[in-house]
Amino acid sequence: MAAVDSGPMKLRALICCAALLVARLATAQPPDLRVALDVEGPPDVASTLSDEVKKGLAAEKDVDVVSRVDARRVVRLIVTPSNGVYGVSLLVTEQYDRPTLMVLGIEDDDLANRMMMLQIVNEHQGFAGRDLAEIARQIVASLDDGLFKTLRRLRQ
C-alpha cells in the first residue's frame, strides 16, 4: 500500500483556518470601554453610591465595569456626607501602555516601564447634593459626555 502525502491537505486546512480567523477579526466589534470603579467613604454611603453608579454605567451599551486588574482606567469616587448633603469627588486615572508611549516618543525601556506604573489623571470633578441617586446620574452623564465621548471618537 502506498503512503499518502498529507502535506497538501494540512496546508489547505491551515489556509482555511487562517482565512476564517481573518474574517472573524475583520467583523469583530471594537473593544468595550473598560473601567474599574473604586468608591471610598462611609460603608453604607459608599455602597449606595457604588450601586447607583454601576446601574447607570450598565445602561451604557459599550461600557464594562471590570476589576481593577483588568482595567487601564479607574473611576475613583470619594464621598463625604455632612448634615444630609453629600460631596463627591470624581477622579479618573489611566495607566499608560507601551504603544501609547511609543507614539509619545518614549522609546527608552527603563523610562517606559516607570511610566507604565504611574496613574495619569484624565479627569477630576466635584459633585454635591442631597440625593445619592441624582448625584450618581450626574456622574454617569458627565462621564458619558466627557471621557467616554472622547474615547468613543478615538475608537472610530
N, C-alpha and C. Protein backbone atom coordinates (compact mmCIF):
# COMPACT_ATOMS: atom_id res chain seq x y z
N MET A 1 0.85 -1.17 0.00
CA MET A 1 0.00 0.00 0.00
C MET A 1 0.89 1.23 0.00
N ALA A 2 0.62 2.20 -0.83
CA ALA A 2 1.44 3.38 -0.98
C ALA A 2 1.09 4.39 0.11
N ALA A 3 2.12 5.09 0.59
CA ALA A 3 1.91 6.12 1.60
C ALA A 3 1.28 7.35 0.95
N VAL A 4 0.36 7.97 1.63
CA VAL A 4 -0.32 9.17 1.14
C VAL A 4 0.35 10.39 1.76
N ASP A 5 0.71 11.35 0.93
CA ASP A 5 1.34 12.58 1.41
C ASP A 5 0.24 13.51 1.92
N SER A 6 0.22 13.72 3.23
CA SER A 6 -0.84 14.56 3.81
C SER A 6 -0.42 16.03 3.91
N GLY A 7 0.76 16.37 3.42
CA GLY A 7 1.24 17.75 3.47
C GLY A 7 0.31 18.74 2.80
N PRO A 8 -0.13 18.51 1.56
CA PRO A 8 -1.03 19.46 0.90
C PRO A 8 -2.37 19.60 1.63
N MET A 9 -2.87 18.50 2.21
CA MET A 9 -4.15 18.59 2.94
C MET A 9 -3.98 19.43 4.21
N LYS A 10 -2.86 19.27 4.88
CA LYS A 10 -2.60 20.07 6.09
C LYS A 10 -2.47 21.54 5.72
N LEU A 11 -1.82 21.82 4.62
CA LEU A 11 -1.65 23.20 4.17
C LEU A 11 -3.01 23.83 3.84
N ARG A 12 -3.87 23.07 3.15
CA ARG A 12 -5.21 23.59 2.83
C ARG A 12 -6.00 23.87 4.10
N ALA A 13 -5.92 22.97 5.06
CA ALA A 13 -6.64 23.16 6.31
C ALA A 13 -6.12 24.39 7.06
N LEU A 14 -4.82 24.58 7.05
CA LEU A 14 -4.22 25.73 7.70
C LEU A 14 -4.65 27.03 7.02
N ILE A 15 -4.70 27.04 5.71
CA ILE A 15 -5.13 28.23 4.96
C ILE A 15 -6.59 28.54 5.26
N CYS A 16 -7.43 27.51 5.32
CA CYS A 16 -8.85 27.72 5.64
C CYS A 16 -9.02 28.30 7.04
N CYS A 17 -8.27 27.77 8.00
CA CYS A 17 -8.35 28.29 9.37
C CYS A 17 -7.90 29.74 9.43
N ALA A 18 -6.82 30.06 8.72
CA ALA A 18 -6.31 31.43 8.70
C ALA A 18 -7.34 32.37 8.07
N ALA A 19 -7.99 31.93 6.99
CA ALA A 19 -9.00 32.75 6.33
C ALA A 19 -10.19 33.00 7.26
N LEU A 20 -10.61 31.98 7.99
CA LEU A 20 -11.71 32.15 8.94
C LEU A 20 -11.33 33.12 10.05
N LEU A 21 -10.11 33.03 10.54
CA LEU A 21 -9.64 33.92 11.60
C LEU A 21 -9.60 35.37 11.11
N VAL A 22 -9.09 35.59 9.92
CA VAL A 22 -9.04 36.94 9.35
C VAL A 22 -10.45 37.49 9.17
N ALA A 23 -11.37 36.67 8.69
CA ALA A 23 -12.75 37.12 8.51
C ALA A 23 -13.39 37.47 9.84
N ARG A 24 -13.12 36.68 10.85
CA ARG A 24 -13.69 36.95 12.18
C ARG A 24 -13.12 38.24 12.75
N LEU A 25 -11.82 38.46 12.61
CA LEU A 25 -11.21 39.68 13.12
C LEU A 25 -11.72 40.91 12.38
N ALA A 26 -12.00 40.76 11.10
CA ALA A 26 -12.47 41.89 10.30
C ALA A 26 -13.87 42.32 10.72
N THR A 27 -14.69 41.39 11.20
CA THR A 27 -16.06 41.71 11.59
C THR A 27 -16.21 41.88 13.09
N ALA A 28 -15.13 41.75 13.84
CA ALA A 28 -15.20 41.86 15.30
C ALA A 28 -15.60 43.28 15.70
N GLN A 29 -16.37 43.37 16.77
CA GLN A 29 -16.76 44.66 17.32
C GLN A 29 -15.56 45.29 18.02
N PRO A 30 -15.48 46.61 18.05
CA PRO A 30 -14.40 47.24 18.78
C PRO A 30 -14.52 46.90 20.27
N PRO A 31 -13.41 46.88 20.98
CA PRO A 31 -13.47 46.52 22.39
C PRO A 31 -14.30 47.52 23.18
N ASP A 32 -14.94 47.03 24.21
CA ASP A 32 -15.75 47.90 25.06
C ASP A 32 -14.86 48.83 25.86
N LEU A 33 -15.45 49.90 26.35
CA LEU A 33 -14.76 50.80 27.26
C LEU A 33 -14.77 50.13 28.63
N ARG A 34 -13.61 49.75 29.08
CA ARG A 34 -13.50 49.00 30.34
C ARG A 34 -12.97 49.91 31.42
N VAL A 35 -13.72 50.03 32.52
CA VAL A 35 -13.31 50.85 33.64
C VAL A 35 -13.49 50.07 34.93
N ALA A 36 -12.65 50.38 35.89
CA ALA A 36 -12.83 49.86 37.24
C ALA A 36 -13.49 50.97 38.05
N LEU A 37 -14.27 50.60 39.04
CA LEU A 37 -14.95 51.58 39.88
C LEU A 37 -14.46 51.40 41.31
N ASP A 38 -13.97 52.48 41.90
CA ASP A 38 -13.45 52.46 43.27
C ASP A 38 -14.16 53.57 44.03
N VAL A 39 -15.00 53.20 45.00
CA VAL A 39 -15.77 54.18 45.77
C VAL A 39 -15.33 54.10 47.22
N GLU A 40 -14.95 55.26 47.77
CA GLU A 40 -14.50 55.33 49.15
C GLU A 40 -15.38 56.30 49.93
N GLY A 41 -15.57 55.98 51.19
CA GLY A 41 -16.37 56.82 52.08
C GLY A 41 -16.97 55.94 53.15
N PRO A 42 -17.90 56.46 53.95
CA PRO A 42 -18.57 55.61 54.94
C PRO A 42 -19.21 54.42 54.24
N PRO A 43 -19.08 53.22 54.79
CA PRO A 43 -19.51 52.00 54.07
C PRO A 43 -20.93 52.03 53.50
N ASP A 44 -21.91 52.50 54.28
CA ASP A 44 -23.28 52.49 53.77
C ASP A 44 -23.46 53.48 52.62
N VAL A 45 -22.87 54.65 52.74
CA VAL A 45 -22.98 55.67 51.70
C VAL A 45 -22.21 55.25 50.45
N ALA A 46 -20.99 54.74 50.65
CA ALA A 46 -20.15 54.30 49.52
C ALA A 46 -20.83 53.16 48.77
N SER A 47 -21.42 52.25 49.50
CA SER A 47 -22.10 51.11 48.86
C SER A 47 -23.29 51.58 48.03
N THR A 48 -24.09 52.49 48.58
CA THR A 48 -25.25 53.01 47.85
C THR A 48 -24.81 53.74 46.59
N LEU A 49 -23.80 54.62 46.72
CA LEU A 49 -23.33 55.37 45.56
C LEU A 49 -22.74 54.42 44.51
N SER A 50 -21.98 53.44 44.95
CA SER A 50 -21.39 52.46 44.03
C SER A 50 -22.47 51.73 43.25
N ASP A 51 -23.50 51.29 43.95
CA ASP A 51 -24.60 50.57 43.29
C ASP A 51 -25.31 51.46 42.26
N GLU A 52 -25.56 52.72 42.62
CA GLU A 52 -26.25 53.63 41.72
C GLU A 52 -25.40 53.94 40.48
N VAL A 53 -24.10 54.15 40.66
CA VAL A 53 -23.23 54.43 39.52
C VAL A 53 -23.12 53.20 38.63
N LYS A 54 -23.00 52.02 39.23
CA LYS A 54 -22.94 50.79 38.43
C LYS A 54 -24.20 50.61 37.60
N LYS A 55 -25.36 50.93 38.19
CA LYS A 55 -26.62 50.84 37.42
C LYS A 55 -26.59 51.78 36.23
N GLY A 56 -26.11 52.99 36.45
CA GLY A 56 -26.03 53.96 35.36
C GLY A 56 -25.05 53.53 34.28
N LEU A 57 -23.90 53.00 34.69
CA LEU A 57 -22.91 52.55 33.71
C LEU A 57 -23.39 51.31 32.96
N ALA A 58 -24.19 50.48 33.62
CA ALA A 58 -24.73 49.28 32.97
C ALA A 58 -25.67 49.65 31.83
N ALA A 59 -26.28 50.84 31.92
CA ALA A 59 -27.18 51.29 30.85
C ALA A 59 -26.40 51.71 29.61
N GLU A 60 -25.12 52.00 29.76
CA GLU A 60 -24.26 52.34 28.62
C GLU A 60 -23.92 51.05 27.88
N LYS A 61 -24.22 50.97 26.60
CA LYS A 61 -24.06 49.72 25.85
C LYS A 61 -22.60 49.29 25.69
N ASP A 62 -21.70 50.26 25.65
CA ASP A 62 -20.31 49.91 25.35
C ASP A 62 -19.37 50.09 26.54
N VAL A 63 -19.91 50.22 27.75
CA VAL A 63 -19.09 50.40 28.94
C VAL A 63 -19.20 49.15 29.81
N ASP A 64 -18.04 48.62 30.18
CA ASP A 64 -17.99 47.47 31.09
C ASP A 64 -17.28 47.88 32.36
N VAL A 65 -17.89 47.60 33.51
CA VAL A 65 -17.22 47.80 34.79
C VAL A 65 -16.54 46.48 35.11
N VAL A 66 -15.21 46.54 35.20
CA VAL A 66 -14.41 45.32 35.41
C VAL A 66 -13.56 45.50 36.67
N SER A 67 -12.85 44.45 37.03
CA SER A 67 -11.99 44.53 38.21
C SER A 67 -10.81 45.47 37.95
N ARG A 68 -10.21 45.92 39.00
CA ARG A 68 -9.08 46.86 38.89
C ARG A 68 -7.94 46.26 38.07
N VAL A 69 -7.73 44.97 38.18
CA VAL A 69 -6.64 44.29 37.47
C VAL A 69 -6.87 44.32 35.96
N ASP A 70 -8.13 44.29 35.53
CA ASP A 70 -8.46 44.19 34.11
C ASP A 70 -8.71 45.53 33.43
N ALA A 71 -8.52 46.64 34.15
CA ALA A 71 -8.84 47.95 33.58
C ALA A 71 -7.62 48.86 33.56
N ARG A 72 -7.47 49.59 32.45
CA ARG A 72 -6.45 50.64 32.38
C ARG A 72 -6.96 51.93 33.01
N ARG A 73 -8.29 52.11 33.03
CA ARG A 73 -8.88 53.33 33.59
C ARG A 73 -9.64 52.99 34.87
N VAL A 74 -9.46 53.86 35.85
CA VAL A 74 -10.15 53.69 37.13
C VAL A 74 -10.96 54.94 37.41
N VAL A 75 -12.25 54.74 37.69
CA VAL A 75 -13.13 55.82 38.12
C VAL A 75 -13.16 55.76 39.65
N ARG A 76 -12.56 56.76 40.29
CA ARG A 76 -12.49 56.81 41.75
C ARG A 76 -13.48 57.87 42.25
N LEU A 77 -14.30 57.46 43.20
CA LEU A 77 -15.26 58.37 43.80
C LEU A 77 -15.00 58.41 45.30
N ILE A 78 -14.85 59.61 45.83
CA ILE A 78 -14.69 59.78 47.28
C ILE A 78 -15.89 60.57 47.74
N VAL A 79 -16.70 59.94 48.60
CA VAL A 79 -17.95 60.56 49.04
C VAL A 79 -17.85 60.89 50.53
N THR A 80 -18.34 62.10 50.87
CA THR A 80 -18.33 62.57 52.25
C THR A 80 -19.70 63.14 52.58
N PRO A 81 -20.39 62.55 53.57
CA PRO A 81 -21.69 63.11 53.97
C PRO A 81 -21.51 64.14 55.10
N SER A 82 -22.34 65.18 55.06
CA SER A 82 -22.32 66.18 56.12
C SER A 82 -23.70 66.84 56.21
N ASN A 83 -24.38 66.63 57.30
CA ASN A 83 -25.71 67.24 57.54
C ASN A 83 -26.69 66.99 56.40
N GLY A 84 -26.73 65.77 55.88
CA GLY A 84 -27.69 65.42 54.83
C GLY A 84 -27.25 65.81 53.43
N VAL A 85 -26.08 66.40 53.30
CA VAL A 85 -25.56 66.76 51.98
C VAL A 85 -24.34 65.91 51.72
N TYR A 86 -24.25 65.41 50.48
CA TYR A 86 -23.13 64.56 50.09
C TYR A 86 -22.22 65.32 49.13
N GLY A 87 -20.93 65.27 49.41
CA GLY A 87 -19.95 65.80 48.49
C GLY A 87 -19.20 64.63 47.87
N VAL A 88 -19.07 64.64 46.55
CA VAL A 88 -18.40 63.53 45.86
C VAL A 88 -17.31 64.10 44.96
N SER A 89 -16.13 63.56 45.12
CA SER A 89 -15.02 63.92 44.25
C SER A 89 -14.82 62.78 43.25
N LEU A 90 -14.80 63.11 41.97
CA LEU A 90 -14.61 62.14 40.90
C LEU A 90 -13.20 62.32 40.35
N LEU A 91 -12.47 61.24 40.28
CA LEU A 91 -11.12 61.27 39.72
C LEU A 91 -10.99 60.07 38.80
N VAL A 92 -10.70 60.32 37.52
CA VAL A 92 -10.49 59.23 36.56
C VAL A 92 -9.01 59.18 36.23
N THR A 93 -8.41 58.02 36.45
CA THR A 93 -6.99 57.87 36.14
C THR A 93 -6.82 56.79 35.08
N GLU A 94 -5.70 56.87 34.40
CA GLU A 94 -5.40 55.92 33.33
C GLU A 94 -3.95 55.49 33.44
N GLN A 95 -3.71 54.24 33.12
CA GLN A 95 -2.35 53.73 33.11
C GLN A 95 -1.86 53.70 31.67
N TYR A 96 -0.68 54.25 31.44
CA TYR A 96 -0.11 54.23 30.09
C TYR A 96 0.22 52.80 29.66
N ASP A 97 0.14 52.56 28.36
CA ASP A 97 0.59 51.28 27.81
C ASP A 97 1.75 51.57 26.85
N ARG A 98 2.46 50.53 26.46
CA ARG A 98 3.66 50.69 25.65
C ARG A 98 3.38 51.35 24.28
N PRO A 99 2.33 50.95 23.55
CA PRO A 99 2.08 51.60 22.26
C PRO A 99 1.84 53.11 22.39
N THR A 100 1.12 53.52 23.44
CA THR A 100 0.87 54.95 23.64
C THR A 100 2.18 55.69 23.88
N LEU A 101 3.03 55.09 24.70
CA LEU A 101 4.32 55.73 24.99
C LEU A 101 5.19 55.82 23.74
N MET A 102 5.11 54.81 22.88
CA MET A 102 5.88 54.85 21.63
C MET A 102 5.40 56.01 20.76
N VAL A 103 4.08 56.22 20.71
CA VAL A 103 3.53 57.33 19.94
C VAL A 103 4.01 58.66 20.53
N LEU A 104 4.14 58.72 21.85
CA LEU A 104 4.60 59.93 22.51
C LEU A 104 6.12 60.13 22.36
N GLY A 105 6.79 59.16 21.77
CA GLY A 105 8.22 59.28 21.53
C GLY A 105 9.11 58.75 22.64
N ILE A 106 8.51 58.00 23.57
CA ILE A 106 9.30 57.45 24.68
C ILE A 106 9.71 56.03 24.31
N GLU A 107 10.93 55.89 23.89
CA GLU A 107 11.43 54.60 23.42
C GLU A 107 12.35 53.91 24.41
N ASP A 108 12.84 54.66 25.41
CA ASP A 108 13.72 54.08 26.42
C ASP A 108 12.93 53.12 27.30
N ASP A 109 13.36 51.86 27.37
CA ASP A 109 12.62 50.84 28.11
C ASP A 109 12.50 51.15 29.60
N ASP A 110 13.57 51.63 30.22
CA ASP A 110 13.52 51.93 31.65
C ASP A 110 12.50 53.02 31.96
N LEU A 111 12.55 54.10 31.18
CA LEU A 111 11.60 55.19 31.38
C LEU A 111 10.18 54.72 31.09
N ALA A 112 9.99 53.95 30.03
CA ALA A 112 8.66 53.45 29.68
C ALA A 112 8.11 52.56 30.80
N ASN A 113 8.94 51.69 31.34
CA ASN A 113 8.47 50.82 32.43
C ASN A 113 8.08 51.62 33.66
N ARG A 114 8.82 52.67 33.98
CA ARG A 114 8.46 53.51 35.12
C ARG A 114 7.15 54.25 34.86
N MET A 115 6.98 54.73 33.64
CA MET A 115 5.75 55.46 33.31
C MET A 115 4.53 54.56 33.30
N MET A 116 4.71 53.29 32.92
CA MET A 116 3.57 52.37 32.88
C MET A 116 3.11 52.00 34.28
N MET A 117 3.91 52.27 35.30
CA MET A 117 3.50 52.00 36.69
C MET A 117 2.69 53.17 37.27
N LEU A 118 2.72 54.33 36.61
CA LEU A 118 2.02 55.51 37.09
C LEU A 118 0.56 55.52 36.68
N GLN A 119 -0.24 56.26 37.41
CA GLN A 119 -1.62 56.53 37.03
C GLN A 119 -1.69 58.00 36.65
N ILE A 120 -2.11 58.30 35.44
CA ILE A 120 -2.21 59.66 34.94
C ILE A 120 -3.66 60.13 35.10
N VAL A 121 -3.86 61.32 35.62
CA VAL A 121 -5.21 61.84 35.84
C VAL A 121 -5.79 62.31 34.52
N ASN A 122 -6.95 61.76 34.17
CA ASN A 122 -7.68 62.17 32.95
C ASN A 122 -8.73 63.22 33.26
N GLU A 123 -9.33 63.10 34.43
CA GLU A 123 -10.47 63.95 34.72
C GLU A 123 -10.62 64.08 36.23
N HIS A 124 -11.03 65.27 36.69
CA HIS A 124 -11.31 65.50 38.10
C HIS A 124 -12.48 66.45 38.19
N GLN A 125 -13.53 66.02 38.91
CA GLN A 125 -14.73 66.84 39.05
C GLN A 125 -15.29 66.69 40.45
N GLY A 126 -16.13 67.63 40.83
CA GLY A 126 -16.80 67.57 42.11
C GLY A 126 -18.31 67.64 41.94
N PHE A 127 -19.02 66.95 42.81
CA PHE A 127 -20.49 66.93 42.78
C PHE A 127 -21.00 67.07 44.21
N ALA A 128 -22.16 67.66 44.37
CA ALA A 128 -22.78 67.79 45.69
C ALA A 128 -24.28 67.73 45.55
N GLY A 129 -24.93 67.23 46.58
CA GLY A 129 -26.38 67.18 46.59
C GLY A 129 -26.90 66.38 47.77
N ARG A 130 -28.22 66.30 47.86
CA ARG A 130 -28.85 65.57 48.97
C ARG A 130 -29.26 64.15 48.58
N ASP A 131 -29.31 63.87 47.28
CA ASP A 131 -29.80 62.58 46.80
C ASP A 131 -28.68 61.83 46.08
N LEU A 132 -28.25 60.69 46.64
CA LEU A 132 -27.15 59.93 46.04
C LEU A 132 -27.50 59.41 44.64
N ALA A 133 -28.75 59.05 44.42
CA ALA A 133 -29.15 58.56 43.09
C ALA A 133 -29.00 59.66 42.05
N GLU A 134 -29.35 60.89 42.42
CA GLU A 134 -29.22 62.02 41.49
C GLU A 134 -27.74 62.34 41.25
N ILE A 135 -26.94 62.28 42.28
CA ILE A 135 -25.50 62.51 42.11
C ILE A 135 -24.91 61.45 41.19
N ALA A 136 -25.30 60.19 41.38
CA ALA A 136 -24.81 59.11 40.52
C ALA A 136 -25.22 59.36 39.08
N ARG A 137 -26.45 59.82 38.85
CA ARG A 137 -26.90 60.12 37.50
C ARG A 137 -26.05 61.23 36.88
N GLN A 138 -25.73 62.25 37.66
CA GLN A 138 -24.88 63.34 37.17
C GLN A 138 -23.47 62.85 36.85
N ILE A 139 -22.95 61.95 37.67
CA ILE A 139 -21.61 61.40 37.44
C ILE A 139 -21.57 60.64 36.13
N VAL A 140 -22.54 59.75 35.93
CA VAL A 140 -22.59 58.95 34.71
C VAL A 140 -22.78 59.85 33.49
N ALA A 141 -23.66 60.84 33.60
CA ALA A 141 -23.88 61.76 32.48
C ALA A 141 -22.61 62.54 32.16
N SER A 142 -21.89 62.95 33.19
CA SER A 142 -20.64 63.68 32.98
C SER A 142 -19.58 62.81 32.30
N LEU A 143 -19.46 61.56 32.75
CA LEU A 143 -18.52 60.63 32.11
C LEU A 143 -18.91 60.38 30.66
N ASP A 144 -20.21 60.21 30.43
CA ASP A 144 -20.70 59.93 29.08
C ASP A 144 -20.44 61.10 28.13
N ASP A 145 -20.64 62.30 28.62
CA ASP A 145 -20.48 63.49 27.78
C ASP A 145 -19.02 63.93 27.68
N GLY A 146 -18.17 63.46 28.56
CA GLY A 146 -16.76 63.87 28.56
C GLY A 146 -15.83 62.75 28.12
N LEU A 147 -15.35 62.00 29.07
CA LEU A 147 -14.34 60.97 28.82
C LEU A 147 -14.81 59.90 27.83
N PHE A 148 -16.01 59.35 28.06
CA PHE A 148 -16.48 58.27 27.19
C PHE A 148 -16.71 58.76 25.76
N LYS A 149 -17.20 59.99 25.63
CA LYS A 149 -17.41 60.57 24.29
C LYS A 149 -16.07 60.67 23.55
N THR A 150 -15.04 61.11 24.24
CA THR A 150 -13.71 61.21 23.64
C THR A 150 -13.18 59.84 23.26
N LEU A 151 -13.32 58.87 24.16
CA LEU A 151 -12.81 57.52 23.88
C LEU A 151 -13.57 56.86 22.73
N ARG A 152 -14.87 57.10 22.65
CA ARG A 152 -15.66 56.55 21.53
C ARG A 152 -15.19 57.15 20.21
N ARG A 153 -14.92 58.44 20.22
CA ARG A 153 -14.45 59.10 18.99
C ARG A 153 -13.08 58.54 18.58
N LEU A 154 -12.21 58.27 19.53
CA LEU A 154 -10.88 57.73 19.22
C LEU A 154 -10.96 56.31 18.68
N ARG A 155 -11.98 55.53 19.06
CA ARG A 155 -12.13 54.15 18.59
C ARG A 155 -12.53 54.09 17.13
N GLN A 156 -13.17 55.12 16.63
CA GLN A 156 -13.72 55.06 15.26
C GLN A 156 -12.66 55.25 14.23
